[in-house]
Amino acid sequence: MTHRAPTRVAAALQGLCPRCGARDLFAGPVAFAPACARCGLDFAAFNVGDGAAAFLILIVGAILVIGAITLELSQSPPYWVHIIWVPIGITLTVGGLRIAKALLIFQEYSNRAREGKIVE
């Protein structure tokens, strides 16, 4: 049975294998599975690096700081109310990492890039 490759958006949002579309790209919240259970694509052969994490931290940090300052200036809540930024930050970071890492794997697979080399 032949499986169709997913679209870039579907692969990024759902954590799909870039070759067959199986939902087994991740073994944990942000950790890749060693390989696809359906088609056998070796996810360890891809190197997404830490670029996604570094870029994402800047974005999430800006969102949290702007949100906290806006809340403080508009409502002046007690300081304990700002504990809401912890789960929001964790959710944005983990969700963003999953999307960014899945997108980078998809791009590497679709461009046949491996460690800076084009694979024929």
PDB file of N, CA and C in Angstrom:
ATOM      1  N   MET A   1       0.842  -1.180   0.000  1.00  0.00           N
ATOM      2  CA  MET A   1       0.000   0.000   0.000  1.00  0.00           C
ATOM      3  C   MET A   1       0.886   1.242   0.000  1.00  0.00           C
ATOM      4  N   THR A   2       0.636   2.129  -0.927  1.00  0.00           N
ATOM      5  CA  THR A   2       1.416   3.355  -1.034  1.00  0.00           C
ATOM      6  C   THR A   2       0.747   4.450  -0.216  1.00  0.00           C
ATOM      7  N   HIS A   3       1.566   5.172   0.532  1.00  0.00           N
ATOM      8  CA  HIS A   3       1.055   6.259   1.350  1.00  0.00           C
ATOM      9  C   HIS A   3       1.479   7.580   0.733  1.00  0.00           C
ATOM     10  N   ARG A   4       0.581   8.548   0.797  1.00  0.00           N
ATOM     11  CA  ARG A   4       0.876   9.865   0.238  1.00  0.00           C
ATOM     12  C   ARG A   4       1.635  10.710   1.243  1.00  0.00           C
ATOM     13  N   ALA A   5       2.582  11.481   0.746  1.00  0.00           N
ATOM     14  CA  ALA A   5       3.320  12.408   1.593  1.00  0.00           C
ATOM     15  C   ALA A   5       2.379  13.532   2.033  1.00  0.00           C
ATOM     16  N   PRO A   6       2.513  13.975   3.279  1.00  0.00           N
ATOM     17  CA  PRO A   6       1.639  15.044   3.760  1.00  0.00           C
ATOM     18  C   PRO A   6       2.071  16.404   3.228  1.00  0.00           C
ATOM     19  N   THR A   7       1.200  17.376   3.363  1.00  0.00           N
ATOM     20  CA  THR A   7       1.566  18.740   3.012  1.00  0.00           C
ATOM     21  C   THR A   7       2.467  19.301   4.106  1.00  0.00           C
ATOM     22  N   ARG A   8       3.144  20.374   3.801  1.00  0.00           N
ATOM     23  CA  ARG A   8       4.048  21.019   4.762  1.00  0.00           C
ATOM     24  C   ARG A   8       3.298  21.438   6.027  1.00  0.00           C
ATOM     25  N   VAL A   9       2.138  22.045   5.854  1.00  0.00           N
ATOM     26  CA  VAL A   9       1.364  22.536   7.000  1.00  0.00           C
ATOM     27  C   VAL A   9       0.866  21.367   7.850  1.00  0.00           C
ATOM     28  N   ALA A  10       0.332  20.344   7.220  1.00  0.00           N
ATOM     29  CA  ALA A  10      -0.165  19.183   7.959  1.00  0.00           C
ATOM     30  C   ALA A  10       0.969  18.501   8.719  1.00  0.00           C
ATOM     31  N   ALA A  11       2.113  18.339   8.066  1.00  0.00           N
ATOM     32  CA  ALA A  11       3.256  17.695   8.725  1.00  0.00           C
ATOM     33  C   ALA A  11       3.712  18.495   9.934  1.00  0.00           C
ATOM     34  N   ALA A  12       3.752  19.812   9.814  1.00  0.00           N
ATOM     35  CA  ALA A  12       4.209  20.656  10.918  1.00  0.00           C
ATOM     36  C   ALA A  12       3.212  20.673  12.066  1.00  0.00           C
ATOM     37  N   LEU A  13       1.945  20.829  11.767  1.00  0.00           N
ATOM     38  CA  LEU A  13       0.940  20.956  12.834  1.00  0.00           C
ATOM     39  C   LEU A  13       0.603  19.634  13.520  1.00  0.00           C
ATOM     40  N   GLN A  14       0.720  18.525  12.793  1.00  0.00           N
ATOM     41  CA  GLN A  14       0.301  17.238  13.344  1.00  0.00           C
ATOM     42  C   GLN A  14       1.463  16.302  13.670  1.00  0.00           C
ATOM     43  N   GLY A  15       2.699  16.702  13.380  1.00  0.00           N
ATOM     44  CA  GLY A  15       3.849  15.845  13.656  1.00  0.00           C
ATOM     45  C   GLY A  15       3.857  14.590  12.806  1.00  0.00           C
ATOM     46  N   LEU A  16       3.680  14.763  11.497  1.00  0.00           N
ATOM     47  CA  LEU A  16       3.588  13.630  10.582  1.00  0.00           C
ATOM     48  C   LEU A  16       4.936  13.281   9.966  1.00  0.00           C
ATOM     49  N   CYS A  17       5.107  12.022   9.647  1.00  0.00           N
ATOM     50  CA  CYS A  17       6.282  11.569   8.910  1.00  0.00           C
ATOM     51  C   CYS A  17       6.263  12.250   7.547  1.00  0.00           C
ATOM     52  N   PRO A  18       7.375  12.856   7.117  1.00  0.00           N
ATOM     53  CA  PRO A  18       7.372  13.557   5.829  1.00  0.00           C
ATOM     54  C   PRO A  18       7.250  12.630   4.622  1.00  0.00           C
ATOM     55  N   ARG A  19       7.550  11.355   4.797  1.00  0.00           N
ATOM     56  CA  ARG A  19       7.469  10.423   3.669  1.00  0.00           C
ATOM     57  C   ARG A  19       6.067   9.838   3.513  1.00  0.00           C
ATOM     58  N   CYS A  20       5.500   9.318   4.606  1.00  0.00           N
ATOM     59  CA  CYS A  20       4.234   8.586   4.477  1.00  0.00           C
ATOM     60  C   CYS A  20       3.055   9.235   5.190  1.00  0.00           C
ATOM     61  N   GLY A  21       3.300  10.195   6.049  1.00  0.00           N
ATOM     62  CA  GLY A  21       2.215  10.879   6.735  1.00  0.00           C
ATOM     63  C   GLY A  21       1.752  10.230   8.021  1.00  0.00           C
ATOM     64  N   ALA A  22       2.478   9.221   8.506  1.00  0.00           N
ATOM     65  CA  ALA A  22       2.106   8.588   9.779  1.00  0.00           C
ATOM     66  C   ALA A  22       2.327   9.570  10.930  1.00  0.00           C
ATOM     67  N   ARG A  23       1.517   9.462  11.952  1.00  0.00           N
ATOM     68  CA  ARG A  23       1.617  10.362  13.114  1.00  0.00           C
ATOM     69  C   ARG A  23       2.589   9.810  14.144  1.00  0.00           C
ATOM     70  N   ASP A  24       3.811   9.583  13.763  1.00  0.00           N
ATOM     71  CA  ASP A  24       4.771   9.028  14.709  1.00  0.00           C
ATOM     72  C   ASP A  24       6.124   9.723  14.663  1.00  0.00           C
ATOM     73  N   LEU A  25       6.132  11.015  14.314  1.00  0.00           N
ATOM     74  CA  LEU A  25       7.380  11.766  14.254  1.00  0.00           C
ATOM     75  C   LEU A  25       7.980  11.963  15.644  1.00  0.00           C
ATOM     76  N   PHE A  26       7.127  12.144  16.644  1.00  0.00           N
ATOM     77  CA  PHE A  26       7.603  12.422  18.001  1.00  0.00           C
ATOM     78  C   PHE A  26       7.401  11.233  18.926  1.00  0.00           C
ATOM     79  N   ALA A  27       8.420  10.972  19.765  1.00  0.00           N
ATOM     80  CA  ALA A  27       8.330   9.930  20.783  1.00  0.00           C
ATOM     81  C   ALA A  27       7.982  10.534  22.137  1.00  0.00           C
ATOM     82  N   GLY A  28       8.135  11.842  22.266  1.00  0.00           N
ATOM     83  CA  GLY A  28       7.818  12.554  23.498  1.00  0.00           C
ATOM     84  C   GLY A  28       7.320  13.934  23.147  1.00  0.00           C
ATOM     85  N   PRO A  29       7.214  14.818  24.134  1.00  0.00           N
ATOM     86  CA  PRO A  29       6.707  16.157  23.843  1.00  0.00           C
ATOM     87  C   PRO A  29       7.479  16.877  22.732  1.00  0.00           C
ATOM     88  N   VAL A  30       8.801  16.820  22.749  1.00  0.00           N
ATOM     89  CA  VAL A  30       9.589  17.448  21.674  1.00  0.00           C
ATOM     90  C   VAL A  30      10.716  16.544  21.178  1.00  0.00           C
ATOM     91  N   ALA A  31      10.748  15.303  21.628  1.00  0.00           N
ATOM     92  CA  ALA A  31      11.802  14.362  21.216  1.00  0.00           C
ATOM     93  C   ALA A  31      11.332  13.550  20.009  1.00  0.00           C
ATOM     94  N   PHE A  32      12.201  13.457  19.013  1.00  0.00           N
ATOM     95  CA  PHE A  32      11.874  12.677  17.821  1.00  0.00           C
ATOM     96  C   PHE A  32      11.908  11.191  18.119  1.00  0.00           C
ATOM     97  N   ALA A  33      11.059  10.451  17.422  1.00  0.00           N
ATOM     98  CA  ALA A  33      11.135   8.996  17.442  1.00  0.00           C
ATOM     99  C   ALA A  33      12.370   8.602  16.639  1.00  0.00           C
ATOM    100  N   PRO A  34      12.931   7.420  16.876  1.00  0.00           N
ATOM    101  CA  PRO A  34      14.114   7.024  16.110  1.00  0.00           C
ATOM    102  C   PRO A  34      13.831   6.832  14.620  1.00  0.00           C
ATOM    103  N   ALA A  35      12.654   6.298  14.295  1.00  0.00           N
ATOM    104  CA  ALA A  35      12.289   6.055  12.894  1.00  0.00           C
ATOM    105  C   ALA A  35      10.774   5.959  12.787  1.00  0.00           C
ATOM    106  N   CYS A  36      10.280   6.081  11.577  1.00  0.00           N
ATOM    107  CA  CYS A  36       8.840   5.955  11.332  1.00  0.00           C
ATOM    108  C   CYS A  36       8.444   4.489  11.450  1.00  0.00           C
ATOM    109  N   ALA A  37       7.401   4.218  12.209  1.00  0.00           N
ATOM    110  CA  ALA A  37       6.947   2.836  12.390  1.00  0.00           C
ATOM    111  C   ALA A  37       6.309   2.278  11.123  1.00  0.00           C
ATOM    112  N   ARG A  38       5.765   3.143  10.274  1.00  0.00           N
ATOM    113  CA  ARG A  38       5.075   2.673   9.075  1.00  0.00           C
ATOM    114  C   ARG A  38       6.019   2.473   7.893  1.00  0.00           C
ATOM    115  N   CYS A  39       6.833   3.480   7.569  1.00  0.00           N
ATOM    116  CA  CYS A  39       7.664   3.391   6.362  1.00  0.00           C
ATOM    117  C   CYS A  39       9.154   3.177   6.652  1.00  0.00           C
ATOM    118  N   GLY A  40       9.567   3.319   7.921  1.00  0.00           N
ATOM    119  CA  GLY A  40      10.950   3.073   8.291  1.00  0.00           C
ATOM    120  C   GLY A  40      11.909   4.231   8.070  1.00  0.00           C
ATOM    121  N   LEU A  41      11.398   5.429   7.726  1.00  0.00           N
ATOM    122  CA  LEU A  41      12.274   6.586   7.526  1.00  0.00           C
ATOM    123  C   LEU A  41      13.047   6.873   8.810  1.00  0.00           C
ATOM    124  N   ASP A  42      14.367   6.968   8.697  1.00  0.00           N
ATOM    125  CA  ASP A  42      15.245   7.190   9.850  1.00  0.00           C
ATOM    126  C   ASP A  42      15.261   8.675  10.202  1.00  0.00           C
ATOM    127  N   PHE A  43      14.580   9.054  11.289  1.00  0.00           N
ATOM    128  CA  PHE A  43      14.532  10.451  11.702  1.00  0.00           C
ATOM    129  C   PHE A  43      15.863  10.913  12.287  1.00  0.00           C
ATOM    130  N   ALA A  44      16.684   9.977  12.757  1.00  0.00           N
ATOM    131  CA  ALA A  44      17.988  10.339  13.318  1.00  0.00           C
ATOM    132  C   ALA A  44      18.942  10.862  12.245  1.00  0.00           C
ATOM    133  N   ALA A  45      18.654  10.587  10.990  1.00  0.00           N
ATOM    134  CA  ALA A  45      19.513  11.063   9.902  1.00  0.00           C
ATOM    135  C   ALA A  45      19.360  12.559   9.660  1.00  0.00           C
ATOM    136  N   PHE A  46      18.322  13.153  10.207  1.00  0.00           N
ATOM    137  CA  PHE A  46      18.075  14.581  10.037  1.00  0.00           C
ATOM    138  C   PHE A  46      18.662  15.354  11.203  1.00  0.00           C
ATOM    139  N   ASN A  47      19.141  16.557  10.920  1.00  0.00           N
ATOM    140  CA  ASN A  47      19.726  17.400  11.958  1.00  0.00           C
ATOM    141  C   ASN A  47      19.029  18.758  11.950  1.00  0.00           C
ATOM    142  N   VAL A  48      18.074  18.931  12.866  1.00  0.00           N
ATOM    143  CA  VAL A  48      17.366  20.210  12.916  1.00  0.00           C
ATOM    144  C   VAL A  48      18.082  21.216  13.799  1.00  0.00           C
ATOM    145  N   GLY A  49      19.020  20.766  14.615  1.00  0.00           N
ATOM    146  CA  GLY A  49      19.816  21.672  15.439  1.00  0.00           C
ATOM    147  C   GLY A  49      18.992  22.429  16.466  1.00  0.00           C
ATOM    148  N   ASP A  50      19.581  23.485  17.003  1.00  0.00           N
ATOM    149  CA  ASP A  50      18.943  24.285  18.038  1.00  0.00           C
ATOM    150  C   ASP A  50      18.446  25.626  17.519  1.00  0.00           C
ATOM    151  N   GLY A  51      18.522  25.837  16.227  1.00  0.00           N
ATOM    152  CA  GLY A  51      18.092  27.113  15.662  1.00  0.00           C
ATOM    153  C   GLY A  51      16.633  27.410  15.941  1.00  0.00           C
ATOM    154  N   ALA A  52      15.796  26.392  15.839  1.00  0.00           N
ATOM    155  CA  ALA A  52      14.367  26.587  16.098  1.00  0.00           C
ATOM    156  C   ALA A  52      14.129  26.989  17.543  1.00  0.00           C
ATOM    157  N   ALA A  53      14.837  26.358  18.459  1.00  0.00           N
ATOM    158  CA  ALA A  53      14.651  26.665  19.882  1.00  0.00           C
ATOM    159  C   ALA A  53      15.112  28.079  20.210  1.00  0.00           C
ATOM    160  N   ALA A  54      16.238  28.476  19.691  1.00  0.00           N
ATOM    161  CA  ALA A  54      16.754  29.819  19.976  1.00  0.00           C
ATOM    162  C   ALA A  54      15.825  30.891  19.425  1.00  0.00           C
ATOM    163  N   PHE A  55      15.359  30.711  18.222  1.00  0.00           N
ATOM    164  CA  PHE A  55      14.454  31.672  17.604  1.00  0.00           C
ATOM    165  C   PHE A  55      13.118  31.704  18.338  1.00  0.00           C
ATOM    166  N   LEU A  56      12.628  30.527  18.714  1.00  0.00           N
ATOM    167  CA  LEU A  56      11.346  30.423  19.400  1.00  0.00           C
ATOM    168  C   LEU A  56      11.377  31.087  20.773  1.00  0.00           C
ATOM    169  N   ILE A  57      12.479  30.955  21.490  1.00  0.00           N
ATOM    170  CA  ILE A  57      12.584  31.565  22.814  1.00  0.00           C
ATOM    171  C   ILE A  57      12.446  33.081  22.713  1.00  0.00           C
ATOM    172  N   LEU A  58      13.003  33.669  21.688  1.00  0.00           N
ATOM    173  CA  LEU A  58      12.856  35.113  21.499  1.00  0.00           C
ATOM    174  C   LEU A  58      11.395  35.499  21.259  1.00  0.00           C
ATOM    175  N   ILE A  59      10.711  34.725  20.451  1.00  0.00           N
ATOM    176  CA  ILE A  59       9.308  35.013  20.149  1.00  0.00           C
ATOM    177  C   ILE A  59       8.432  34.813  21.383  1.00  0.00           C
ATOM    178  N   VAL A  60       8.579  33.675  22.047  1.00  0.00           N
ATOM    179  CA  VAL A  60       7.774  33.390  23.236  1.00  0.00           C
ATOM    180  C   VAL A  60       8.087  34.393  24.341  1.00  0.00           C
ATOM    181  N   GLY A  61       9.356  34.715  24.520  1.00  0.00           N
ATOM    182  CA  GLY A  61       9.727  35.710  25.528  1.00  0.00           C
ATOM    183  C   GLY A  61       9.076  37.054  25.268  1.00  0.00           C
ATOM    184  N   ALA A  62       9.062  37.484  24.025  1.00  0.00           N
ATOM    185  CA  ALA A  62       8.431  38.764  23.679  1.00  0.00           C
ATOM    186  C   ALA A  62       6.928  38.717  23.945  1.00  0.00           C
ATOM    187  N   ILE A  63       6.284  37.623  23.590  1.00  0.00           N
ATOM    188  CA  ILE A  63       4.841  37.486  23.836  1.00  0.00           C
ATOM    189  C   ILE A  63       4.548  37.550  25.332  1.00  0.00           C
ATOM    190  N   LEU A  64       5.335  36.831  26.135  1.00  0.00           N
ATOM    191  CA  LEU A  64       5.103  36.803  27.582  1.00  0.00           C
ATOM    192  C   LEU A  64       5.350  38.166  28.223  1.00  0.00           C
ATOM    193  N   VAL A  65       6.423  38.830  27.832  1.00  0.00           N
ATOM    194  CA  VAL A  65       6.734  40.141  28.409  1.00  0.00           C
ATOM    195  C   VAL A  65       5.669  41.166  28.024  1.00  0.00           C
ATOM    196  N   ILE A  66       5.276  41.189  26.771  1.00  0.00           N
ATOM    197  CA  ILE A  66       4.237  42.124  26.333  1.00  0.00           C
ATOM    198  C   ILE A  66       2.916  41.833  27.048  1.00  0.00           C
ATOM    199  N   GLY A  67       2.584  40.559  27.163  1.00  0.00           N
ATOM    200  CA  GLY A  67       1.356  40.187  27.870  1.00  0.00           C
ATOM    201  C   GLY A  67       1.383  40.576  29.336  1.00  0.00           C
ATOM    202  N   ALA A  68       2.492  40.318  30.004  1.00  0.00           N
ATOM    203  CA  ALA A  68       2.599  40.652  31.425  1.00  0.00           C
ATOM    204  C   ALA A  68       2.556  42.157  31.657  1.00  0.00           C
ATOM    205  N   ILE A  69       3.251  42.903  30.840  1.00  0.00           N
ATOM    206  CA  ILE A  69       3.248  44.369  30.987  1.00  0.00           C
ATOM    207  C   ILE A  69       1.855  44.929  30.692  1.00  0.00           C
ATOM    208  N   THR A  70       1.220  44.427  29.645  1.00  0.00           N
ATOM    209  CA  THR A  70      -0.124  44.894  29.302  1.00  0.00           C
ATOM    210  C   THR A  70      -1.105  44.596  30.433  1.00  0.00           C
ATOM    211  N   LEU A  71      -1.051  43.371  30.973  1.00  0.00           N
ATOM    212  CA  LEU A  71      -1.936  43.013  32.074  1.00  0.00           C
ATOM    213  C   LEU A  71      -1.679  43.899  33.294  1.00  0.00           C
ATOM    214  N   GLU A  72      -0.415  44.090  33.612  1.00  0.00           N
ATOM    215  CA  GLU A  72      -0.065  44.899  34.785  1.00  0.00           C
ATOM    216  C   GLU A  72      -0.526  46.348  34.629  1.00  0.00           C
ATOM    217  N   LEU A  73      -0.301  46.933  33.489  1.00  0.00           N
ATOM    218  CA  LEU A  73      -0.662  48.336  33.300  1.00  0.00           C
ATOM    219  C   LEU A  73      -2.166  48.574  33.142  1.00  0.00           C
ATOM    220  N   SER A  74      -2.870  47.593  32.579  1.00  0.00           N
ATOM    221  CA  SER A  74      -4.303  47.791  32.348  1.00  0.00           C
ATOM    222  C   SER A  74      -5.165  47.394  33.544  1.00  0.00           C
ATOM    223  N   GLN A  75      -4.754  46.378  34.294  1.00  0.00           N
ATOM    224  CA  GLN A  75      -5.594  45.864  35.377  1.00  0.00           C
ATOM    225  C   GLN A  75      -4.987  46.014  36.772  1.00  0.00           C
ATOM    226  N   SER A  76      -3.681  46.142  36.862  1.00  0.00           N
ATOM    227  CA  SER A  76      -2.966  46.193  38.144  1.00  0.00           C
ATOM    228  C   SER A  76      -3.397  45.073  39.096  1.00  0.00           C
ATOM    229  N   PRO A  77      -3.291  43.808  38.644  1.00  0.00           N
ATOM    230  CA  PRO A  77      -3.727  42.700  39.507  1.00  0.00           C
ATOM    231  C   PRO A  77      -2.700  42.434  40.609  1.00  0.00           C
ATOM    232  N   PRO A  78      -3.068  41.629  41.612  1.00  0.00           N
ATOM    233  CA  PRO A  78      -2.067  41.217  42.607  1.00  0.00           C
ATOM    234  C   PRO A  78      -0.935  40.452  41.903  1.00  0.00           C
ATOM    235  N   TYR A  79       0.248  40.466  42.489  1.00  0.00           N
ATOM    236  CA  TYR A  79       1.396  39.839  41.828  1.00  0.00           C
ATOM    237  C   TYR A  79       1.216  38.343  41.584  1.00  0.00           C
ATOM    238  N   TRP A  80       0.456  37.654  42.452  1.00  0.00           N
ATOM    239  CA  TRP A  80       0.295  36.214  42.275  1.00  0.00           C
ATOM    240  C   TRP A  80      -0.467  35.879  40.988  1.00  0.00           C
ATOM    241  N   VAL A  81      -1.221  36.822  40.442  1.00  0.00           N
ATOM    242  CA  VAL A  81      -1.960  36.577  39.199  1.00  0.00           C
ATOM    243  C   VAL A  81      -0.995  36.316  38.042  1.00  0.00           C
ATOM    244  N   HIS A  82       0.200  36.849  38.123  1.00  0.00           N
ATOM    245  CA  HIS A  82       1.165  36.680  37.035  1.00  0.00           C
ATOM    246  C   HIS A  82       1.700  35.251  36.925  1.00  0.00           C
ATOM    247  N   ILE A  83       1.260  34.363  37.824  1.00  0.00           N
ATOM    248  CA  ILE A  83       1.640  32.948  37.707  1.00  0.00           C
ATOM    249  C   ILE A  83       1.051  32.350  36.421  1.00  0.00           C
ATOM    250  N   ILE A  84       0.043  33.000  35.845  1.00  0.00           N
ATOM    251  CA  ILE A  84      -0.556  32.485  34.603  1.00  0.00           C
ATOM    252  C   ILE A  84       0.450  32.438  33.469  1.00  0.00           C
ATOM    253  N   TRP A  85       1.512  33.209  33.554  1.00  0.00           N
ATOM    254  CA  TRP A  85       2.488  33.242  32.458  1.00  0.00           C
ATOM    255  C   TRP A  85       3.343  31.989  32.402  1.00  0.00           C
ATOM    256  N   VAL A  86       3.417  31.248  33.504  1.00  0.00           N
ATOM    257  CA  VAL A  86       4.203  29.998  33.499  1.00  0.00           C
ATOM    258  C   VAL A  86       3.563  28.957  32.580  1.00  0.00           C
ATOM    259  N   PRO A  87       2.298  28.569  32.778  1.00  0.00           N
ATOM    260  CA  PRO A  87       1.722  27.572  31.854  1.00  0.00           C
ATOM    261  C   PRO A  87       1.587  28.089  30.425  1.00  0.00           C
ATOM    262  N   ILE A  88       1.338  29.376  30.272  1.00  0.00           N
ATOM    263  CA  ILE A  88       1.264  29.937  28.920  1.00  0.00           C
ATOM    264  C   ILE A  88       2.620  29.816  28.228  1.00  0.00           C
ATOM    265  N   GLY A  89       3.684  30.138  28.951  1.00  0.00           N
ATOM    266  CA  GLY A  89       5.033  30.030  28.395  1.00  0.00           C
ATOM    267  C   GLY A  89       5.405  28.602  28.042  1.00  0.00           C
ATOM    268  N   ILE A  90       5.069  27.668  28.925  1.00  0.00           N
ATOM    269  CA  ILE A  90       5.374  26.255  28.665  1.00  0.00           C
ATOM    270  C   ILE A  90       4.602  25.763  27.447  1.00  0.00           C
ATOM    271  N   THR A  91       3.327  26.104  27.371  1.00  0.00           N
ATOM    272  CA  THR A  91       2.492  25.673  26.250  1.00  0.00           C
ATOM    273  C   THR A  91       2.999  26.245  24.922  1.00  0.00           C
ATOM    274  N   LEU A  92       3.302  27.540  24.919  1.00  0.00           N
ATOM    275  CA  LEU A  92       3.810  28.155  23.686  1.00  0.00           C
ATOM    276  C   LEU A  92       5.158  27.576  23.274  1.00  0.00           C
ATOM    277  N   THR A  93       6.020  27.311  24.245  1.00  0.00           N
ATOM    278  CA  THR A  93       7.346  26.775  23.937  1.00  0.00           C
ATOM    279  C   THR A  93       7.271  25.352  23.396  1.00  0.00           C
ATOM    280  N   VAL A  94       6.568  24.471  24.100  1.00  0.00           N
ATOM    281  CA  VAL A  94       6.473  23.075  23.653  1.00  0.00           C
ATOM    282  C   VAL A  94       5.721  22.986  22.326  1.00  0.00           C
ATOM    283  N   GLY A  95       4.599  23.687  22.222  1.00  0.00           N
ATOM    284  CA  GLY A  95       3.847  23.662  20.972  1.00  0.00           C
ATOM    285  C   GLY A  95       4.641  24.236  19.813  1.00  0.00           C
ATOM    286  N   GLY A  96       5.320  25.332  20.061  1.00  0.00           N
ATOM    287  CA  GLY A  96       6.134  25.945  19.018  1.00  0.00           C
ATOM    288  C   GLY A  96       7.310  25.086  18.595  1.00  0.00           C
ATOM    289  N   LEU A  97       7.948  24.418  19.572  1.00  0.00           N
ATOM    290  CA  LEU A  97       9.069  23.532  19.238  1.00  0.00           C
ATOM    291  C   LEU A  97       8.608  22.359  18.383  1.00  0.00           C
ATOM    292  N   ARG A  98       7.472  21.780  18.735  1.00  0.00           N
ATOM    293  CA  ARG A  98       6.957  20.658  17.942  1.00  0.00           C
ATOM    294  C   ARG A  98       6.697  21.096  16.500  1.00  0.00           C
ATOM    295  N   ILE A  99       6.068  22.238  16.338  1.00  0.00           N
ATOM    296  CA  ILE A  99       5.750  22.722  14.983  1.00  0.00           C
ATOM    297  C   ILE A  99       7.029  23.052  14.220  1.00  0.00           C
ATOM    298  N   ALA A 100       7.949  23.772  14.868  1.00  0.00           N
ATOM    299  CA  ALA A 100       9.185  24.180  14.187  1.00  0.00           C
ATOM    300  C   ALA A 100      10.055  22.977  13.833  1.00  0.00           C
ATOM    301  N   LYS A 101      10.199  22.032  14.759  1.00  0.00           N
ATOM    302  CA  LYS A 101      11.036  20.865  14.490  1.00  0.00           C
ATOM    303  C   LYS A 101      10.426  19.988  13.397  1.00  0.00           C
ATOM    304  N   ALA A 102       9.114  19.814  13.432  1.00  0.00           N
ATOM    305  CA  ALA A 102       8.450  19.016  12.391  1.00  0.00           C
ATOM    306  C   ALA A 102       8.593  19.692  11.023  1.00  0.00           C
ATOM    307  N   LEU A 103       8.466  21.016  11.000  1.00  0.00           N
ATOM    308  CA  LEU A 103       8.622  21.748   9.745  1.00  0.00           C
ATOM    309  C   LEU A 103      10.050  21.623   9.204  1.00  0.00           C
ATOM    310  N   LEU A 104      11.044  21.718  10.084  1.00  0.00           N
ATOM    311  CA  LEU A 104      12.435  21.590   9.639  1.00  0.00           C
ATOM    312  C   LEU A 104      12.735  20.188   9.110  1.00  0.00           C
ATOM    313  N   ILE A 105      12.210  19.159   9.762  1.00  0.00           N
ATOM    314  CA  ILE A 105      12.391  17.786   9.262  1.00  0.00           C
ATOM    315  C   ILE A 105      11.735  17.642   7.890  1.00  0.00           C
ATOM    316  N   PHE A 106      10.530  18.184   7.757  1.00  0.00           N
ATOM    317  CA  PHE A 106       9.838  18.115   6.472  1.00  0.00           C
ATOM    318  C   PHE A 106      10.666  18.794   5.388  1.00  0.00           C
ATOM    319  N   GLN A 107      11.194  19.972   5.684  1.00  0.00           N
ATOM    320  CA  GLN A 107      11.997  20.711   4.703  1.00  0.00           C
ATOM    321  C   GLN A 107      13.265  19.938   4.338  1.00  0.00           C
ATOM    322  N   GLU A 108      13.944  19.379   5.333  1.00  0.00           N
ATOM    323  CA  GLU A 108      15.150  18.592   5.040  1.00  0.00           C
ATOM    324  C   GLU A 108      14.813  17.393   4.167  1.00  0.00           C
ATOM    325  N   TYR A 109      13.709  16.718   4.490  1.00  0.00           N
ATOM    326  CA  TYR A 109      13.327  15.546   3.701  1.00  0.00           C
ATOM    327  C   TYR A 109      12.952  15.942   2.274  1.00  0.00           C
ATOM    328  N   SER A 110      12.126  16.973   2.138  1.00  0.00           N
ATOM    329  CA  SER A 110      11.663  17.348   0.799  1.00  0.00           C
ATOM    330  C   SER A 110      12.785  17.913  -0.065  1.00  0.00           C
ATOM    331  N   ASN A 111      13.797  18.506   0.548  1.00  0.00           N
ATOM    332  CA  ASN A 111      14.943  19.028  -0.206  1.00  0.00           C
ATOM    333  C   ASN A 111      16.099  18.034  -0.276  1.00  0.00           C
ATOM    334  N   ARG A 112      15.895  16.858   0.292  1.00  0.00           N
ATOM    335  CA  ARG A 112      16.914  15.793   0.338  1.00  0.00           C
ATOM    336  C   ARG A 112      18.236  16.298   0.903  1.00  0.00           C
ATOM    337  N   ALA A 113      18.173  17.117   1.920  1.00  0.00           N
ATOM    338  CA  ALA A 113      19.385  17.669   2.543  1.00  0.00           C
ATOM    339  C   ALA A 113      19.791  16.802   3.733  1.00  0.00           C
ATOM    340  N   ARG A 114      21.062  16.499   3.814  1.00  0.00           N
ATOM    341  CA  ARG A 114      21.595  15.742   4.942  1.00  0.00           C
ATOM    342  C   ARG A 114      22.920  16.373   5.334  1.00  0.00           C
ATOM    343  N   GLU A 115      23.009  16.911   6.521  1.00  0.00           N
ATOM    344  CA  GLU A 115      24.237  17.480   7.058  1.00  0.00           C
ATOM    345  C   GLU A 115      24.908  18.436   6.057  1.00  0.00           C
ATOM    346  N   GLY A 116      24.124  19.288   5.443  1.00  0.00           N
ATOM    347  CA  GLY A 116      24.654  20.286   4.538  1.00  0.00           C
ATOM    348  C   GLY A 116      24.965  19.778   3.148  1.00  0.00           C
ATOM    349  N   LYS A 117      24.588  18.548   2.840  1.00  0.00           N
ATOM    350  CA  LYS A 117      24.851  17.960   1.529  1.00  0.00           C
ATOM    351  C   LYS A 117      23.540  17.564   0.882  1.00  0.00           C
ATOM    352  N   ILE A 118      23.505  17.634  -0.415  1.00  0.00           N
ATOM    353  CA  ILE A 118      22.348  17.181  -1.169  1.00  0.00           C
ATOM    354  C   ILE A 118      22.540  15.701  -1.464  1.00  0.00           C
ATOM    355  N   VAL A 119      21.534  14.900  -1.118  1.00  0.00           N
ATOM    356  CA  VAL A 119      21.597  13.459  -1.352  1.00  0.00           C
ATOM    357  C   VAL A 119      20.907  13.163  -2.676  1.00  0.00           C
ATOM    358  N   GLU A 120      21.576  12.431  -3.521  1.00  0.00           N
ATOM    359  CA  GLU A 120      21.027  12.063  -4.838  1.00  0.00           C
ATOM    360  C   GLU A 120      20.098  10.903  -4.714  1.00  0.00           C
TER     361      GLU A 120
END
